[in-house]
Amino acid sequence: MNRNEQIARAVDAVYRWIEAETERTAAHHRPCGRCGRCCDFEAFDHRLYVTTAELAHFTTRSGLAIPPSAGPRCPWNVDGRCDVHPYRFAGCRVFSCTGDPQVQARITEQALQRLKHIGGQSGLPYRYVNILHAGADPREPLR
């Protein structure tokens, strides 16, 4: 198994943990209704930051490259819906515009610790970048 597949499997486990936590805290954290409003980062005054391990997971699982910025919207929001929903990042899995911000913050911090650990275990440099700029980064962290 190559390094990117090992990273992808470890990130899959973090994503399963996020889903279990959001279900466990459902009384305080209503799940995403998939309305797509938060994907318009500028209009929602919201940003999506991703880790290097998540970028490796995304490219390994989806087979897609991270595109250069195409504007203030998520590049995978097509007609108001997520075109890559099975491969979405931790921030997309945690955030819900109707959820409890404190619950979201706790889940996010714990997920980031886990994702950072994955990078350290695999020798992948840790970066936490705005998704709109991740595809334009010439350092190519996924080699």
C-alpha atoms as a PDB file:
ATOM      1  CA  MET A   1       0.000   0.000   0.000  1.00  0.00           C
ATOM      2  CA  ASN A   2       1.449   3.388  -0.968  1.00  0.00           C
ATOM      3  CA  ARG A   3       1.737   6.376   1.352  1.00  0.00           C
ATOM      4  CA  ASN A   4      -1.248   8.282  -0.068  1.00  0.00           C
ATOM      5  CA  GLU A   5      -3.473   5.211   0.400  1.00  0.00           C
ATOM      6  CA  GLN A   6      -2.267   4.856   4.006  1.00  0.00           C
ATOM      7  CA  ILE A   7      -3.016   8.535   4.600  1.00  0.00           C
ATOM      8  CA  ALA A   8      -6.437   8.184   2.928  1.00  0.00           C
ATOM      9  CA  ARG A   9      -7.347   5.257   5.188  1.00  0.00           C
ATOM     10  CA  ALA A  10      -6.303   7.182   8.286  1.00  0.00           C
ATOM     11  CA  VAL A  11      -8.312  10.227   7.174  1.00  0.00           C
ATOM     12  CA  ASP A  12     -11.296   7.948   6.465  1.00  0.00           C
ATOM     13  CA  ALA A  13     -11.140   6.961  10.154  1.00  0.00           C
ATOM     14  CA  VAL A  14     -11.145  10.629  11.224  1.00  0.00           C
ATOM     15  CA  TYR A  15     -14.130  11.310   8.993  1.00  0.00           C
ATOM     16  CA  ARG A  16     -15.993   8.339  10.515  1.00  0.00           C
ATOM     17  CA  TRP A  17     -15.184   9.755  13.971  1.00  0.00           C
ATOM     18  CA  ILE A  18     -16.559  13.173  12.917  1.00  0.00           C
ATOM     19  CA  GLU A  19     -19.762  11.573  11.692  1.00  0.00           C
ATOM     20  CA  ALA A  20     -20.140   9.620  14.953  1.00  0.00           C
ATOM     21  CA  GLU A  21     -19.554  12.786  16.989  1.00  0.00           C
ATOM     22  CA  THR A  22     -22.073  14.819  15.021  1.00  0.00           C
ATOM     23  CA  GLU A  23     -24.638  12.032  15.480  1.00  0.00           C
ATOM     24  CA  ARG A  24     -23.830  11.754  19.197  1.00  0.00           C
ATOM     25  CA  THR A  25     -24.296  15.500  19.684  1.00  0.00           C
ATOM     26  CA  ALA A  26     -27.357  15.779  17.426  1.00  0.00           C
ATOM     27  CA  ALA A  27     -29.433  17.401  20.160  1.00  0.00           C
ATOM     28  CA  HIS A  28     -27.026  20.353  20.084  1.00  0.00           C
ATOM     29  CA  HIS A  29     -25.678  20.069  16.577  1.00  0.00           C
ATOM     30  CA  ARG A  30     -28.209  19.685  13.804  1.00  0.00           C
ATOM     31  CA  PRO A  31     -26.646  18.027  10.768  1.00  0.00           C
ATOM     32  CA  CYS A  32     -26.113  19.796   7.501  1.00  0.00           C
ATOM     33  CA  GLY A  33     -29.198  20.106   5.327  1.00  0.00           C
ATOM     34  CA  ARG A  34     -27.006  20.347   2.207  1.00  0.00           C
ATOM     35  CA  CYS A  35     -28.490  23.707   1.170  1.00  0.00           C
ATOM     36  CA  GLY A  36     -25.136  24.891  -0.256  1.00  0.00           C
ATOM     37  CA  ARG A  37     -25.270  28.384   1.277  1.00  0.00           C
ATOM     38  CA  CYS A  38     -21.981  27.991   3.142  1.00  0.00           C
ATOM     39  CA  CYS A  39     -20.253  27.001  -0.117  1.00  0.00           C
ATOM     40  CA  ASP A  40     -20.512  30.621  -1.209  1.00  0.00           C
ATOM     41  CA  PHE A  41     -17.670  31.661   1.078  1.00  0.00           C
ATOM     42  CA  GLU A  42     -17.929  35.372   0.351  1.00  0.00           C
ATOM     43  CA  ALA A  43     -21.703  35.664   0.809  1.00  0.00           C
ATOM     44  CA  PHE A  44     -21.697  33.470   3.926  1.00  0.00           C
ATOM     45  CA  ASP A  45     -18.568  35.189   5.341  1.00  0.00           C
ATOM     46  CA  HIS A  46     -17.075  31.752   5.816  1.00  0.00           C
ATOM     47  CA  ARG A  47     -13.808  30.083   4.824  1.00  0.00           C
ATOM     48  CA  LEU A  48     -12.895  26.441   4.373  1.00  0.00           C
ATOM     49  CA  TYR A  49      -9.446  25.474   5.584  1.00  0.00           C
ATOM     50  CA  VAL A  50      -8.029  22.025   4.908  1.00  0.00           C
ATOM     51  CA  THR A  51      -5.006  20.063   6.056  1.00  0.00           C
ATOM     52  CA  THR A  52      -2.392  18.448   3.879  1.00  0.00           C
ATOM     53  CA  ALA A  53      -3.634  15.003   4.947  1.00  0.00           C
ATOM     54  CA  GLU A  54      -7.136  15.928   3.753  1.00  0.00           C
ATOM     55  CA  LEU A  55      -5.788  17.070   0.400  1.00  0.00           C
ATOM     56  CA  ALA A  56      -4.006  13.723   0.013  1.00  0.00           C
ATOM     57  CA  HIS A  57      -7.223  11.926   0.963  1.00  0.00           C
ATOM     58  CA  PHE A  58      -9.273  13.952  -1.493  1.00  0.00           C
ATOM     59  CA  THR A  59      -6.991  13.384  -4.473  1.00  0.00           C
ATOM     60  CA  THR A  60      -6.554   9.686  -3.638  1.00  0.00           C
ATOM     61  CA  ARG A  61     -10.243   8.926  -3.102  1.00  0.00           C
ATOM     62  CA  SER A  62     -11.793  11.203  -5.731  1.00  0.00           C
ATOM     63  CA  GLY A  63      -9.110  11.003  -8.412  1.00  0.00           C
ATOM     64  CA  LEU A  64      -9.505  14.758  -8.858  1.00  0.00           C
ATOM     65  CA  ALA A  65      -6.884  17.480  -8.599  1.00  0.00           C
ATOM     66  CA  ILE A  66      -7.304  20.500  -6.354  1.00  0.00           C
ATOM     67  CA  PRO A  67      -8.162  23.302  -8.787  1.00  0.00           C
ATOM     68  CA  PRO A  68      -6.767  26.807  -8.594  1.00  0.00           C
ATOM     69  CA  SER A  69      -9.185  29.324  -7.151  1.00  0.00           C
ATOM     70  CA  ALA A  70     -12.164  29.953  -9.372  1.00  0.00           C
ATOM     71  CA  GLY A  71     -13.770  32.662  -7.273  1.00  0.00           C
ATOM     72  CA  PRO A  72     -15.428  33.024  -3.900  1.00  0.00           C
ATOM     73  CA  ARG A  73     -17.425  29.763  -4.125  1.00  0.00           C
ATOM     74  CA  CYS A  74     -16.312  26.249  -3.396  1.00  0.00           C
ATOM     75  CA  PRO A  75     -15.081  24.847  -6.720  1.00  0.00           C
ATOM     76  CA  TRP A  76     -17.163  21.676  -6.220  1.00  0.00           C
ATOM     77  CA  ASN A  77     -20.460  23.432  -5.561  1.00  0.00           C
ATOM     78  CA  VAL A  78     -22.427  22.756  -8.737  1.00  0.00           C
ATOM     79  CA  ASP A  79     -25.936  24.149  -9.030  1.00  0.00           C
ATOM     80  CA  GLY A  80     -26.040  24.710  -5.273  1.00  0.00           C
ATOM     81  CA  ARG A  81     -25.028  21.164  -4.367  1.00  0.00           C
ATOM     82  CA  CYS A  82     -21.761  19.482  -3.433  1.00  0.00           C
ATOM     83  CA  ASP A  83     -20.455  17.565  -6.428  1.00  0.00           C
ATOM     84  CA  VAL A  84     -17.898  15.682  -4.287  1.00  0.00           C
ATOM     85  CA  HIS A  85     -19.977  15.044  -1.165  1.00  0.00           C
ATOM     86  CA  PRO A  86     -18.481  11.592  -0.380  1.00  0.00           C
ATOM     87  CA  TYR A  87     -14.975  13.142  -0.403  1.00  0.00           C
ATOM     88  CA  ARG A  88     -15.765  16.428   1.387  1.00  0.00           C
ATOM     89  CA  PHE A  89     -13.312  17.835   3.908  1.00  0.00           C
ATOM     90  CA  ALA A  90     -13.525  17.837   7.714  1.00  0.00           C
ATOM     91  CA  GLY A  91     -14.781  21.417   7.809  1.00  0.00           C
ATOM     92  CA  CYS A  92     -17.676  20.477   5.533  1.00  0.00           C
ATOM     93  CA  ARG A  93     -18.474  17.449   7.683  1.00  0.00           C
ATOM     94  CA  VAL A  94     -18.471  19.428  10.939  1.00  0.00           C
ATOM     95  CA  PHE A  95     -20.037  22.722   9.909  1.00  0.00           C
ATOM     96  CA  SER A  96     -23.776  23.204   9.881  1.00  0.00           C
ATOM     97  CA  CYS A  97     -25.269  26.671   9.562  1.00  0.00           C
ATOM     98  CA  THR A  98     -27.955  25.584  12.047  1.00  0.00           C
ATOM     99  CA  GLY A  99     -25.540  23.859  14.442  1.00  0.00           C
ATOM    100  CA  ASP A 100     -24.101  24.883  17.794  1.00  0.00           C
ATOM    101  CA  PRO A 101     -20.832  26.798  17.198  1.00  0.00           C
ATOM    102  CA  GLN A 102     -19.310  25.529  20.469  1.00  0.00           C
ATOM    103  CA  VAL A 103     -19.973  21.904  19.561  1.00  0.00           C
ATOM    104  CA  GLN A 104     -18.570  22.515  16.085  1.00  0.00           C
ATOM    105  CA  ALA A 105     -15.444  24.138  17.532  1.00  0.00           C
ATOM    106  CA  ARG A 106     -14.802  21.204  19.862  1.00  0.00           C
ATOM    107  CA  ILE A 107     -15.235  18.625  17.102  1.00  0.00           C
ATOM    108  CA  THR A 108     -13.079  20.680  14.733  1.00  0.00           C
ATOM    109  CA  GLU A 109     -10.207  21.055  17.221  1.00  0.00           C
ATOM    110  CA  GLN A 110     -10.174  17.339  17.980  1.00  0.00           C
ATOM    111  CA  ALA A 111     -10.341  16.452  14.286  1.00  0.00           C
ATOM    112  CA  LEU A 112      -7.453  18.814  13.488  1.00  0.00           C
ATOM    113  CA  GLN A 113      -5.316  17.183  16.173  1.00  0.00           C
ATOM    114  CA  ARG A 114      -6.001  13.785  14.608  1.00  0.00           C
ATOM    115  CA  LEU A 115      -5.305  15.046  11.084  1.00  0.00           C
ATOM    116  CA  LYS A 116      -2.067  16.697  12.172  1.00  0.00           C
ATOM    117  CA  HIS A 117      -0.999  13.423  13.801  1.00  0.00           C
ATOM    118  CA  ILE A 118      -1.640  11.555  10.536  1.00  0.00           C
ATOM    119  CA  GLY A 119       0.664  13.924   8.692  1.00  0.00           C
ATOM    120  CA  GLY A 120       3.369  13.543  11.327  1.00  0.00           C
ATOM    121  CA  GLN A 121       3.124   9.740  11.259  1.00  0.00           C
ATOM    122  CA  SER A 122       3.377   9.645   7.468  1.00  0.00           C
ATOM    123  CA  GLY A 123       6.091  12.265   7.019  1.00  0.00           C
ATOM    124  CA  LEU A 124       3.676  14.625   5.279  1.00  0.00           C
ATOM    125  CA  PRO A 125       4.372  18.289   6.065  1.00  0.00           C
ATOM    126  CA  TYR A 126       1.498  19.843   7.987  1.00  0.00           C
ATOM    127  CA  ARG A 127      -0.238  22.797   6.382  1.00  0.00           C
ATOM    128  CA  TYR A 128      -3.661  24.266   7.052  1.00  0.00           C
ATOM    129  CA  VAL A 129      -4.709  26.266   4.015  1.00  0.00           C
ATOM    130  CA  ASN A 130      -7.732  27.989   2.541  1.00  0.00           C
ATOM    131  CA  ILE A 131      -9.198  25.615  -0.048  1.00  0.00           C
ATOM    132  CA  LEU A 132      -9.396  28.463  -2.552  1.00  0.00           C
ATOM    133  CA  HIS A 133      -5.600  28.733  -2.449  1.00  0.00           C
ATOM    134  CA  ALA A 134      -4.666  25.063  -1.997  1.00  0.00           C
ATOM    135  CA  GLY A 135      -4.630  24.305  -5.731  1.00  0.00           C
ATOM    136  CA  ALA A 136      -2.358  27.227  -6.520  1.00  0.00           C
ATOM    137  CA  ASP A 137       0.381  26.182  -4.092  1.00  0.00           C
ATOM    138  CA  PRO A 138       3.545  25.347  -6.058  1.00  0.00           C
ATOM    139  CA  ARG A 139       5.046  23.302  -3.186  1.00  0.00           C
ATOM    140  CA  GLU A 140       2.972  20.243  -4.157  1.00  0.00           C
ATOM    141  CA  PRO A 141       2.838  18.681  -0.685  1.00  0.00           C
ATOM    142  CA  LEU A 142       1.436  15.359  -1.814  1.00  0.00           C
ATOM    143  CA  ARG A 143       4.509  13.859  -3.425  1.00  0.00           C
END
